[in-house]
Amino acid sequence: MCVQLFVPDKGFVRVYPMKATRHFVSALRLFAKDVGTPEVLVADSHPMQKKQEVKEFCNKIGTKLRLLEGSTQ
């Protein structure tokens, strides 16, 4: 089991439990539904966060996806 953390610039944190990292898109959908559509999503370079499905979802909801360089914090 793992979790996905979303840390908006509004001063709170959202935590979504996942059974596997492949459920990232589901967590992102729940976040967008619960909190609202973010203007920008800054994600690390994990393969699940770079998938085409994530890019398409962000494009669909009008969120700009920015990926951090690999091996950076």
N, C-alpha and C. Protein backbone atom coordinates (compact mmCIF):
# COMPACT_ATOMS: atom_id res chain seq x y z
N MET A 1 0.84 -1.17 0.00
CA MET A 1 0.00 0.00 0.00
C MET A 1 0.89 1.25 0.00
N CYS A 2 0.42 2.30 -0.65
CA CYS A 2 1.15 3.56 -0.71
C CYS A 2 0.13 4.69 -0.68
N VAL A 3 0.61 5.91 -0.64
CA VAL A 3 -0.28 7.07 -0.65
C VAL A 3 0.22 8.09 -1.66
N GLN A 4 -0.69 8.90 -2.11
CA GLN A 4 -0.36 10.04 -2.96
C GLN A 4 -0.68 11.29 -2.17
N LEU A 5 0.31 12.15 -2.02
CA LEU A 5 0.12 13.43 -1.33
C LEU A 5 -0.04 14.53 -2.36
N PHE A 6 -1.01 15.38 -2.14
CA PHE A 6 -1.17 16.59 -2.94
C PHE A 6 -1.02 17.75 -1.97
N VAL A 7 -0.12 18.66 -2.28
CA VAL A 7 0.16 19.79 -1.40
C VAL A 7 -0.08 21.08 -2.19
N PRO A 8 -1.30 21.57 -2.17
CA PRO A 8 -1.58 22.82 -2.87
C PRO A 8 -0.97 24.02 -2.13
N ASP A 9 -0.94 25.14 -2.78
CA ASP A 9 -0.40 26.35 -2.14
C ASP A 9 -1.43 27.06 -1.27
N LYS A 10 -2.49 26.38 -0.92
CA LYS A 10 -3.57 26.95 -0.11
C LYS A 10 -3.42 26.64 1.37
N GLY A 11 -2.34 25.95 1.77
CA GLY A 11 -2.10 25.72 3.19
C GLY A 11 -2.68 24.43 3.75
N PHE A 12 -2.94 23.44 2.93
CA PHE A 12 -3.42 22.16 3.43
C PHE A 12 -2.80 21.03 2.59
N VAL A 13 -3.01 19.82 3.05
CA VAL A 13 -2.48 18.63 2.37
C VAL A 13 -3.63 17.65 2.17
N ARG A 14 -3.68 17.00 1.03
CA ARG A 14 -4.64 15.93 0.78
C ARG A 14 -3.87 14.63 0.60
N VAL A 15 -4.36 13.58 1.24
CA VAL A 15 -3.72 12.26 1.19
C VAL A 15 -4.72 11.26 0.63
N TYR A 16 -4.29 10.52 -0.39
CA TYR A 16 -5.13 9.51 -1.00
C TYR A 16 -4.42 8.16 -0.96
N PRO A 17 -4.94 7.20 -0.17
CA PRO A 17 -4.34 5.87 -0.13
C PRO A 17 -4.49 5.17 -1.48
N MET A 18 -3.48 4.42 -1.86
CA MET A 18 -3.51 3.66 -3.12
C MET A 18 -2.98 2.25 -2.83
N LYS A 19 -3.51 1.28 -3.53
CA LYS A 19 -3.00 -0.08 -3.40
C LYS A 19 -1.71 -0.27 -4.17
N ALA A 20 -1.51 0.55 -5.19
CA ALA A 20 -0.29 0.49 -6.01
C ALA A 20 -0.10 1.84 -6.69
N THR A 21 1.12 2.10 -7.12
CA THR A 21 1.40 3.39 -7.76
C THR A 21 0.62 3.57 -9.06
N ARG A 22 0.19 2.49 -9.66
CA ARG A 22 -0.57 2.60 -10.91
C ARG A 22 -1.92 3.30 -10.72
N HIS A 23 -2.33 3.50 -9.48
CA HIS A 23 -3.60 4.17 -9.20
C HIS A 23 -3.44 5.69 -9.06
N PHE A 24 -2.31 6.22 -9.50
CA PHE A 24 -2.08 7.66 -9.41
C PHE A 24 -3.16 8.46 -10.12
N VAL A 25 -3.56 8.03 -11.29
CA VAL A 25 -4.58 8.78 -12.06
C VAL A 25 -5.89 8.84 -11.28
N SER A 26 -6.25 7.76 -10.62
CA SER A 26 -7.47 7.75 -9.80
C SER A 26 -7.36 8.75 -8.66
N ALA A 27 -6.20 8.79 -8.01
CA ALA A 27 -5.99 9.75 -6.94
C ALA A 27 -6.06 11.18 -7.46
N LEU A 28 -5.49 11.41 -8.62
CA LEU A 28 -5.54 12.75 -9.23
C LEU A 28 -6.98 13.13 -9.57
N ARG A 29 -7.74 12.20 -10.07
CA ARG A 29 -9.15 12.48 -10.38
C ARG A 29 -9.92 12.84 -9.11
N LEU A 30 -9.69 12.07 -8.04
CA LEU A 30 -10.36 12.35 -6.76
C LEU A 30 -9.97 13.73 -6.23
N PHE A 31 -8.69 14.05 -6.33
CA PHE A 31 -8.22 15.36 -5.87
C PHE A 31 -8.92 16.47 -6.64
N ALA A 32 -8.97 16.36 -7.95
CA ALA A 32 -9.61 17.39 -8.78
C ALA A 32 -11.10 17.50 -8.45
N LYS A 33 -11.72 16.37 -8.14
CA LYS A 33 -13.14 16.38 -7.78
C LYS A 33 -13.36 16.97 -6.39
N ASP A 34 -12.52 16.59 -5.42
CA ASP A 34 -12.68 17.05 -4.04
C ASP A 34 -12.32 18.51 -3.85
N VAL A 35 -11.22 18.93 -4.44
CA VAL A 35 -10.66 20.26 -4.17
C VAL A 35 -10.91 21.24 -5.31
N GLY A 36 -10.91 20.73 -6.51
CA GLY A 36 -11.05 21.59 -7.68
C GLY A 36 -9.86 21.40 -8.61
N THR A 37 -9.99 21.92 -9.77
CA THR A 37 -8.96 21.76 -10.79
C THR A 37 -7.78 22.67 -10.50
N PRO A 38 -6.59 22.09 -10.33
CA PRO A 38 -5.42 22.95 -10.12
C PRO A 38 -4.98 23.61 -11.43
N GLU A 39 -4.43 24.82 -11.33
CA GLU A 39 -3.91 25.48 -12.52
C GLU A 39 -2.71 24.73 -13.06
N VAL A 40 -1.82 24.35 -12.14
CA VAL A 40 -0.58 23.66 -12.50
C VAL A 40 -0.39 22.49 -11.55
N LEU A 41 0.04 21.37 -12.10
CA LEU A 41 0.40 20.20 -11.30
C LEU A 41 1.89 19.97 -11.49
N VAL A 42 2.64 20.12 -10.41
CA VAL A 42 4.08 19.88 -10.45
C VAL A 42 4.30 18.49 -9.88
N ALA A 43 4.84 17.61 -10.68
CA ALA A 43 5.03 16.21 -10.28
C ALA A 43 6.49 15.81 -10.48
N ASP A 44 6.89 14.79 -9.72
CA ASP A 44 8.25 14.28 -9.94
C ASP A 44 8.27 13.45 -11.21
N SER A 45 9.39 12.88 -11.51
CA SER A 45 9.51 12.17 -12.80
C SER A 45 9.23 10.68 -12.68
N HIS A 46 8.40 10.30 -11.71
CA HIS A 46 8.01 8.89 -11.58
C HIS A 46 7.26 8.47 -12.85
N PRO A 47 7.51 7.27 -13.33
CA PRO A 47 6.86 6.82 -14.58
C PRO A 47 5.34 6.92 -14.56
N MET A 48 4.71 6.68 -13.43
CA MET A 48 3.25 6.76 -13.36
C MET A 48 2.74 8.19 -13.54
N GLN A 49 3.54 9.16 -13.15
CA GLN A 49 3.11 10.54 -13.24
C GLN A 49 3.41 11.14 -14.62
N LYS A 50 4.13 10.39 -15.44
CA LYS A 50 4.45 10.85 -16.81
C LYS A 50 3.63 10.12 -17.86
N LYS A 51 2.74 9.24 -17.43
CA LYS A 51 1.97 8.44 -18.39
C LYS A 51 1.08 9.32 -19.27
N GLN A 52 0.81 8.84 -20.44
CA GLN A 52 -0.06 9.55 -21.38
C GLN A 52 -1.44 9.79 -20.79
N GLU A 53 -1.93 8.84 -20.01
CA GLU A 53 -3.25 8.98 -19.38
C GLU A 53 -3.29 10.20 -18.44
N VAL A 54 -2.20 10.44 -17.73
CA VAL A 54 -2.11 11.60 -16.84
C VAL A 54 -2.08 12.88 -17.67
N LYS A 55 -1.28 12.89 -18.72
CA LYS A 55 -1.19 14.07 -19.59
C LYS A 55 -2.54 14.39 -20.21
N GLU A 56 -3.25 13.36 -20.67
CA GLU A 56 -4.56 13.57 -21.29
C GLU A 56 -5.57 14.09 -20.28
N PHE A 57 -5.56 13.55 -19.06
CA PHE A 57 -6.49 14.01 -18.04
C PHE A 57 -6.22 15.47 -17.69
N CYS A 58 -4.95 15.82 -17.50
CA CYS A 58 -4.61 17.20 -17.18
C CYS A 58 -5.04 18.14 -18.31
N ASN A 59 -4.81 17.72 -19.53
CA ASN A 59 -5.24 18.53 -20.68
C ASN A 59 -6.76 18.69 -20.69
N LYS A 60 -7.47 17.63 -20.39
CA LYS A 60 -8.93 17.64 -20.40
C LYS A 60 -9.50 18.61 -19.37
N ILE A 61 -8.89 18.68 -18.18
CA ILE A 61 -9.42 19.54 -17.13
C ILE A 61 -8.77 20.93 -17.13
N GLY A 62 -7.83 21.16 -18.04
CA GLY A 62 -7.21 22.48 -18.15
C GLY A 62 -6.09 22.73 -17.17
N THR A 63 -5.44 21.67 -16.73
CA THR A 63 -4.32 21.78 -15.80
C THR A 63 -3.01 21.63 -16.56
N LYS A 64 -2.07 22.51 -16.29
CA LYS A 64 -0.76 22.41 -16.91
C LYS A 64 0.09 21.44 -16.10
N LEU A 65 0.65 20.44 -16.74
CA LEU A 65 1.48 19.44 -16.07
C LEU A 65 2.94 19.81 -16.23
N ARG A 66 3.62 20.00 -15.11
CA ARG A 66 5.05 20.28 -15.12
C ARG A 66 5.75 19.15 -14.38
N LEU A 67 6.72 18.56 -15.04
CA LEU A 67 7.48 17.46 -14.44
C LEU A 67 8.87 17.92 -14.03
N LEU A 68 9.25 17.56 -12.82
CA LEU A 68 10.59 17.88 -12.34
C LEU A 68 11.61 17.03 -13.06
N GLU A 69 12.83 17.51 -13.14
CA GLU A 69 13.92 16.73 -13.73
C GLU A 69 14.13 15.47 -12.90
N GLY A 70 14.54 14.41 -13.57
CA GLY A 70 14.86 13.18 -12.86
C GLY A 70 15.98 13.40 -11.87
N SER A 71 15.95 12.68 -10.77
CA SER A 71 16.99 12.73 -9.73
C SER A 71 17.08 14.09 -9.04
N THR A 72 15.98 14.85 -9.03
CA THR A 72 15.95 16.10 -8.28
C THR A 72 14.90 15.99 -7.19
N GLN A 73 14.99 16.85 -6.20
CA GLN A 73 14.01 16.82 -5.12
C GLN A 73 13.10 18.02 -5.20
